[in-house]
Every structure is written in structure tokens, then in C-alpha cells.
Amino acid sequence: MKFPQLPPGARFRWQDDVYRKIGPMTARAEAGAGERLIPRSAVVEPVADGATSAQPADHFSPAEVQAALDAYQASLRAYLETLDGPTREALEAHMQAGAQAFRAALRKRAPTADG
């Protein structure tokens, strides 16, 4: 199977190490070696972990989700710098409201201590 065919969050073996897919071309090594860029042409071997592919978001840590949101907002803020006055202020307000709603939705979905 080629790397792009894996769903986000899937575990796989490549070059004698086990990884978890975290992006379209990135994966995190389970042995603590950090993130790696995986070529689209890479032939990988899926590794079963009991999770279903219907729930890939369950495989991302809160820190990974927060980092993704922060990167997205940073990209938008770079665009904000090109705008002026009321347009800039309106977009900034919408970004902040969207980020707050996103974080509130994550808190609702977060597992509780009792399961």
C-alpha cells in the first residue's frame, strides 16, 4: 500500500520503524524519533491497533490539534497583515470567534475521567 492511501491516524511500518500518519505527507515515529516527511511513493505496511478508520480524529493528541489550529491561525494572521482598517478588524473578530467555538467543541468531545 502506498502512503497516501492510509487514512489520517493510521499506524504503519516503513523502513523498519512504526509510525502514525499525522498529515498528507507526514508521520510521527512511535519510537520517539519525531516527525518525518514520507514520500507519496513510499510503500508502507499497515499495522493493526484495534482502532477503526472511521474515527481517525481519536488518534490525535490535544497538543497536535492545538498545534494544527495555531498553524492555521498563523497563516490567516499573515494574510490579515495585508488588509487595512475595518476589513482587518472584522476578519480578526471572526477568526477569534471561530477559534473559541473550535476549542469549545473540543472540550465537549474530550474524554472525562470516568470514561
N, C-alpha and C. Protein backbone atom coordinates (compact mmCIF):
# COMPACT_ATOMS: atom_id res chain seq x y z
N MET A 1 0.86 -1.17 0.00
CA MET A 1 0.00 0.00 0.00
C MET A 1 0.90 1.23 0.00
N LYS A 2 0.49 2.26 -0.73
CA LYS A 2 1.26 3.49 -0.75
C LYS A 2 0.77 4.43 0.34
N PHE A 3 1.69 5.26 0.82
CA PHE A 3 1.41 6.14 1.95
C PHE A 3 0.14 6.97 1.81
N PRO A 4 -0.15 7.60 0.64
CA PRO A 4 -1.36 8.42 0.53
C PRO A 4 -2.66 7.63 0.74
N GLN A 5 -2.60 6.32 0.59
CA GLN A 5 -3.81 5.50 0.75
C GLN A 5 -4.20 5.30 2.22
N LEU A 6 -3.29 5.59 3.13
CA LEU A 6 -3.59 5.45 4.56
C LEU A 6 -4.47 6.60 5.03
N PRO A 7 -5.44 6.32 5.90
CA PRO A 7 -6.23 7.41 6.48
C PRO A 7 -5.42 8.11 7.57
N PRO A 8 -5.73 9.37 7.87
CA PRO A 8 -5.05 10.05 8.97
C PRO A 8 -5.21 9.26 10.27
N GLY A 9 -4.14 9.17 11.03
CA GLY A 9 -4.17 8.45 12.30
C GLY A 9 -3.79 6.99 12.19
N ALA A 10 -3.67 6.47 10.98
CA ALA A 10 -3.34 5.05 10.79
C ALA A 10 -1.90 4.77 11.18
N ARG A 11 -1.69 3.60 11.77
CA ARG A 11 -0.34 3.15 12.10
C ARG A 11 0.19 2.34 10.93
N PHE A 12 1.50 2.46 10.69
CA PHE A 12 2.11 1.72 9.59
C PHE A 12 3.60 1.49 9.84
N ARG A 13 4.14 0.51 9.13
CA ARG A 13 5.56 0.21 9.21
C ARG A 13 6.22 0.67 7.91
N TRP A 14 7.35 1.37 8.06
CA TRP A 14 8.12 1.83 6.91
C TRP A 14 9.57 1.90 7.32
N GLN A 15 10.44 1.33 6.53
CA GLN A 15 11.88 1.31 6.79
C GLN A 15 12.18 0.82 8.21
N ASP A 16 11.56 -0.28 8.59
CA ASP A 16 11.79 -0.96 9.87
C ASP A 16 11.38 -0.17 11.12
N ASP A 17 10.57 0.88 10.96
CA ASP A 17 10.04 1.61 12.10
C ASP A 17 8.52 1.71 11.97
N VAL A 18 7.84 1.91 13.12
CA VAL A 18 6.38 2.06 13.13
C VAL A 18 6.07 3.54 13.32
N TYR A 19 5.14 4.03 12.51
CA TYR A 19 4.75 5.43 12.50
C TYR A 19 3.23 5.54 12.61
N ARG A 20 2.77 6.77 12.88
CA ARG A 20 1.35 7.10 12.81
C ARG A 20 1.23 8.27 11.86
N LYS A 21 0.33 8.15 10.87
CA LYS A 21 0.14 9.21 9.89
C LYS A 21 -0.52 10.41 10.56
N ILE A 22 0.12 11.59 10.42
CA ILE A 22 -0.43 12.79 11.04
C ILE A 22 -0.77 13.87 10.03
N GLY A 23 -0.41 13.66 8.78
CA GLY A 23 -0.70 14.65 7.74
C GLY A 23 -0.62 14.00 6.38
N PRO A 24 -0.92 14.74 5.33
CA PRO A 24 -0.91 14.17 3.98
C PRO A 24 0.44 13.60 3.57
N MET A 25 1.52 14.16 4.12
CA MET A 25 2.84 13.66 3.77
C MET A 25 3.74 13.53 5.00
N THR A 26 3.14 13.52 6.20
CA THR A 26 3.94 13.44 7.42
C THR A 26 3.45 12.34 8.34
N ALA A 27 4.39 11.86 9.16
CA ALA A 27 4.08 10.82 10.13
C ALA A 27 4.95 11.04 11.36
N ARG A 28 4.48 10.54 12.49
CA ARG A 28 5.23 10.63 13.74
C ARG A 28 5.70 9.22 14.10
N ALA A 29 6.99 9.10 14.37
CA ALA A 29 7.57 7.81 14.76
C ALA A 29 7.12 7.44 16.16
N GLU A 30 6.76 6.18 16.36
CA GLU A 30 6.34 5.74 17.69
C GLU A 30 7.54 5.55 18.61
N ALA A 31 8.73 5.41 18.04
CA ALA A 31 9.93 5.21 18.84
C ALA A 31 10.51 6.53 19.34
N GLY A 32 9.76 7.62 19.16
CA GLY A 32 10.20 8.91 19.67
C GLY A 32 11.19 9.64 18.79
N ALA A 33 11.29 9.25 17.53
CA ALA A 33 12.25 9.90 16.62
C ALA A 33 11.67 11.15 15.97
N GLY A 34 10.51 11.60 16.39
CA GLY A 34 9.92 12.82 15.86
C GLY A 34 9.14 12.60 14.58
N GLU A 35 8.87 13.70 13.89
CA GLU A 35 8.09 13.66 12.65
C GLU A 35 9.01 13.45 11.46
N ARG A 36 8.44 12.80 10.42
CA ARG A 36 9.17 12.59 9.18
C ARG A 36 8.28 12.90 8.00
N LEU A 37 8.89 13.37 6.96
CA LEU A 37 8.22 13.55 5.69
C LEU A 37 8.27 12.20 4.99
N ILE A 38 7.10 11.68 4.59
CA ILE A 38 7.02 10.38 3.94
C ILE A 38 6.69 10.60 2.47
N PRO A 39 7.51 10.10 1.56
CA PRO A 39 7.22 10.28 0.14
C PRO A 39 5.88 9.64 -0.25
N ARG A 40 5.19 10.28 -1.18
CA ARG A 40 3.92 9.72 -1.65
C ARG A 40 4.13 8.35 -2.28
N SER A 41 5.31 8.11 -2.80
CA SER A 41 5.59 6.84 -3.46
C SER A 41 5.98 5.74 -2.48
N ALA A 42 6.13 6.06 -1.19
CA ALA A 42 6.58 5.09 -0.21
C ALA A 42 5.57 3.95 -0.07
N VAL A 43 6.08 2.73 -0.13
CA VAL A 43 5.24 1.56 0.09
C VAL A 43 5.31 1.25 1.59
N VAL A 44 4.14 1.27 2.24
CA VAL A 44 4.07 1.08 3.68
C VAL A 44 3.21 -0.14 4.00
N GLU A 45 3.40 -0.65 5.21
CA GLU A 45 2.63 -1.80 5.67
C GLU A 45 1.75 -1.37 6.85
N PRO A 46 0.42 -1.39 6.68
CA PRO A 46 -0.46 -1.00 7.79
C PRO A 46 -0.21 -1.90 9.01
N VAL A 47 -0.32 -1.31 10.20
CA VAL A 47 -0.16 -2.04 11.45
C VAL A 47 -1.47 -1.91 12.21
N ALA A 48 -2.11 -3.03 12.51
CA ALA A 48 -3.40 -3.00 13.21
C ALA A 48 -3.19 -2.56 14.66
N ASP A 49 -4.12 -1.73 15.14
CA ASP A 49 -4.06 -1.31 16.55
C ASP A 49 -5.43 -1.37 17.20
N GLY A 50 -6.39 -1.98 16.53
CA GLY A 50 -7.72 -2.13 17.10
C GLY A 50 -8.62 -0.94 16.86
N ALA A 51 -8.11 0.16 16.31
CA ALA A 51 -8.94 1.33 16.05
C ALA A 51 -9.55 1.22 14.67
N THR A 52 -10.71 1.82 14.51
CA THR A 52 -11.36 1.80 13.21
C THR A 52 -10.98 3.03 12.43
N SER A 53 -10.97 2.91 11.12
CA SER A 53 -10.61 4.07 10.31
C SER A 53 -11.72 5.11 10.30
N ALA A 54 -12.89 4.78 10.85
CA ALA A 54 -13.99 5.74 10.90
C ALA A 54 -13.77 6.79 11.99
N GLN A 55 -12.76 6.58 12.85
CA GLN A 55 -12.52 7.51 13.94
C GLN A 55 -11.08 8.01 13.94
N PRO A 56 -10.57 8.53 12.82
CA PRO A 56 -9.17 8.94 12.80
C PRO A 56 -8.85 10.07 13.76
N ALA A 57 -9.79 10.95 14.07
CA ALA A 57 -9.51 12.07 14.95
C ALA A 57 -9.17 11.61 16.36
N ASP A 58 -9.59 10.40 16.76
CA ASP A 58 -9.28 9.88 18.08
C ASP A 58 -7.78 9.62 18.24
N HIS A 59 -7.05 9.63 17.16
CA HIS A 59 -5.64 9.32 17.21
C HIS A 59 -4.77 10.55 17.38
N PHE A 60 -5.34 11.73 17.39
CA PHE A 60 -4.57 12.95 17.52
C PHE A 60 -4.65 13.44 18.95
N SER A 61 -3.51 13.77 19.50
CA SER A 61 -3.48 14.29 20.87
C SER A 61 -4.03 15.71 20.89
N PRO A 62 -4.48 16.17 22.05
CA PRO A 62 -4.94 17.56 22.14
C PRO A 62 -3.84 18.54 21.71
N ALA A 63 -2.60 18.23 22.03
CA ALA A 63 -1.50 19.13 21.64
C ALA A 63 -1.36 19.19 20.12
N GLU A 64 -1.56 18.07 19.43
CA GLU A 64 -1.47 18.06 17.97
C GLU A 64 -2.60 18.87 17.35
N VAL A 65 -3.80 18.74 17.91
CA VAL A 65 -4.94 19.50 17.41
C VAL A 65 -4.71 20.99 17.64
N GLN A 66 -4.23 21.33 18.83
CA GLN A 66 -3.96 22.73 19.14
C GLN A 66 -2.88 23.29 18.22
N ALA A 67 -1.84 22.50 17.95
CA ALA A 67 -0.76 22.95 17.06
C ALA A 67 -1.30 23.19 15.65
N ALA A 68 -2.19 22.32 15.20
CA ALA A 68 -2.77 22.50 13.86
C ALA A 68 -3.62 23.77 13.81
N LEU A 69 -4.41 24.01 14.84
CA LEU A 69 -5.22 25.24 14.89
C LEU A 69 -4.32 26.47 14.92
N ASP A 70 -3.26 26.43 15.72
CA ASP A 70 -2.34 27.56 15.80
C ASP A 70 -1.68 27.84 14.46
N ALA A 71 -1.28 26.78 13.74
CA ALA A 71 -0.65 26.96 12.43
C ALA A 71 -1.64 27.58 11.45
N TYR A 72 -2.88 27.13 11.50
CA TYR A 72 -3.92 27.67 10.62
C TYR A 72 -4.13 29.15 10.91
N GLN A 73 -4.23 29.48 12.20
CA GLN A 73 -4.44 30.88 12.57
C GLN A 73 -3.24 31.74 12.19
N ALA A 74 -2.03 31.22 12.31
CA ALA A 74 -0.84 31.97 11.93
C ALA A 74 -0.87 32.30 10.44
N SER A 75 -1.32 31.34 9.65
CA SER A 75 -1.44 31.57 8.22
C SER A 75 -2.44 32.68 7.92
N LEU A 76 -3.58 32.65 8.60
CA LEU A 76 -4.58 33.69 8.40
C LEU A 76 -4.10 35.05 8.88
N ARG A 77 -3.36 35.05 9.98
CA ARG A 77 -2.85 36.32 10.51
C ARG A 77 -1.85 36.95 9.55
N ALA A 78 -1.08 36.13 8.85
CA ALA A 78 -0.15 36.67 7.85
C ALA A 78 -0.95 37.39 6.75
N TYR A 79 -2.09 36.83 6.38
CA TYR A 79 -2.94 37.48 5.39
C TYR A 79 -3.55 38.75 5.97
N LEU A 80 -3.92 38.72 7.24
CA LEU A 80 -4.50 39.90 7.88
C LEU A 80 -3.59 41.12 7.76
N GLU A 81 -2.30 40.88 7.81
CA GLU A 81 -1.34 41.99 7.74
C GLU A 81 -1.44 42.75 6.42
N THR A 82 -2.00 42.12 5.40
CA THR A 82 -2.12 42.79 4.10
C THR A 82 -3.39 43.62 3.99
N LEU A 83 -4.28 43.49 4.96
CA LEU A 83 -5.56 44.21 4.93
C LEU A 83 -5.48 45.50 5.73
N ASP A 84 -6.48 46.34 5.54
CA ASP A 84 -6.49 47.58 6.28
C ASP A 84 -7.83 47.80 6.99
N GLY A 85 -7.78 48.58 8.04
CA GLY A 85 -8.94 49.08 8.75
C GLY A 85 -10.04 48.10 9.09
N PRO A 86 -11.29 48.46 8.73
CA PRO A 86 -12.46 47.68 9.12
C PRO A 86 -12.44 46.23 8.63
N THR A 87 -11.91 46.01 7.45
CA THR A 87 -11.86 44.63 6.93
C THR A 87 -10.97 43.77 7.82
N ARG A 88 -9.82 44.29 8.17
CA ARG A 88 -8.88 43.58 9.03
C ARG A 88 -9.50 43.29 10.40
N GLU A 89 -10.12 44.30 10.99
CA GLU A 89 -10.74 44.13 12.31
C GLU A 89 -11.87 43.12 12.27
N ALA A 90 -12.68 43.15 11.23
CA ALA A 90 -13.80 42.21 11.11
C ALA A 90 -13.29 40.78 10.97
N LEU A 91 -12.29 40.59 10.13
CA LEU A 91 -11.75 39.24 9.95
C LEU A 91 -11.10 38.73 11.22
N GLU A 92 -10.38 39.58 11.93
CA GLU A 92 -9.76 39.19 13.20
C GLU A 92 -10.82 38.75 14.20
N ALA A 93 -11.93 39.48 14.28
CA ALA A 93 -13.01 39.12 15.19
C ALA A 93 -13.63 37.77 14.82
N HIS A 94 -13.81 37.55 13.54
CA HIS A 94 -14.36 36.26 13.09
C HIS A 94 -13.39 35.11 13.38
N MET A 95 -12.11 35.35 13.19
CA MET A 95 -11.11 34.32 13.49
C MET A 95 -11.13 33.96 14.98
N GLN A 96 -11.18 34.96 15.83
CA GLN A 96 -11.20 34.71 17.26
C GLN A 96 -12.45 33.96 17.68
N ALA A 97 -13.60 34.34 17.13
CA ALA A 97 -14.85 33.65 17.46
C ALA A 97 -14.81 32.21 16.97
N GLY A 98 -14.27 32.00 15.78
CA GLY A 98 -14.15 30.64 15.25
C GLY A 98 -13.23 29.77 16.08
N ALA A 99 -12.11 30.33 16.50
CA ALA A 99 -11.17 29.58 17.34
C ALA A 99 -11.81 29.22 18.69
N GLN A 100 -12.55 30.16 19.27
CA GLN A 100 -13.22 29.88 20.54
C GLN A 100 -14.26 28.77 20.38
N ALA A 101 -15.03 28.82 19.29
CA ALA A 101 -16.03 27.78 19.04
C ALA A 101 -15.35 26.43 18.82
N PHE A 102 -14.24 26.43 18.11
CA PHE A 102 -13.49 25.21 17.85
C PHE A 102 -13.00 24.59 19.16
N ARG A 103 -12.41 25.43 20.02
CA ARG A 103 -11.91 24.92 21.31
C ARG A 103 -13.06 24.44 22.20
N ALA A 104 -14.20 25.12 22.16
CA ALA A 104 -15.36 24.68 22.95
C ALA A 104 -15.84 23.32 22.47
N ALA A 105 -15.85 23.11 21.16
CA ALA A 105 -16.26 21.81 20.61
C ALA A 105 -15.28 20.72 21.04
N LEU A 106 -14.00 21.03 21.07
CA LEU A 106 -13.00 20.04 21.52
C LEU A 106 -13.20 19.70 22.99
N ARG A 107 -13.50 20.70 23.81
CA ARG A 107 -13.72 20.42 25.23
C ARG A 107 -14.93 19.52 25.43
N LYS A 108 -15.98 19.71 24.63
CA LYS A 108 -17.17 18.85 24.73
C LYS A 108 -16.83 17.41 24.38
N ARG A 109 -15.95 17.24 23.40
CA ARG A 109 -15.62 15.92 22.90
C ARG A 109 -14.56 15.22 23.75
N ALA A 110 -13.83 15.98 24.57
CA ALA A 110 -12.74 15.43 25.35
C ALA A 110 -13.26 14.36 26.30
N PRO A 111 -12.52 13.28 26.45
CA PRO A 111 -12.94 12.23 27.37
C PRO A 111 -12.91 12.73 28.82
N THR A 112 -13.82 12.22 29.61
CA THR A 112 -13.88 12.58 31.02
C THR A 112 -13.08 11.57 31.82
N ALA A 113 -12.84 11.86 33.08
CA ALA A 113 -12.07 10.98 33.94
C ALA A 113 -12.75 9.63 34.15
N ASP A 114 -14.08 9.61 34.06
CA ASP A 114 -14.81 8.35 34.27
C ASP A 114 -15.11 7.62 32.97
N GLY A 115 -14.46 8.02 31.86
CA GLY A 115 -14.58 7.23 30.64
C GLY A 115 -15.20 7.94 29.55
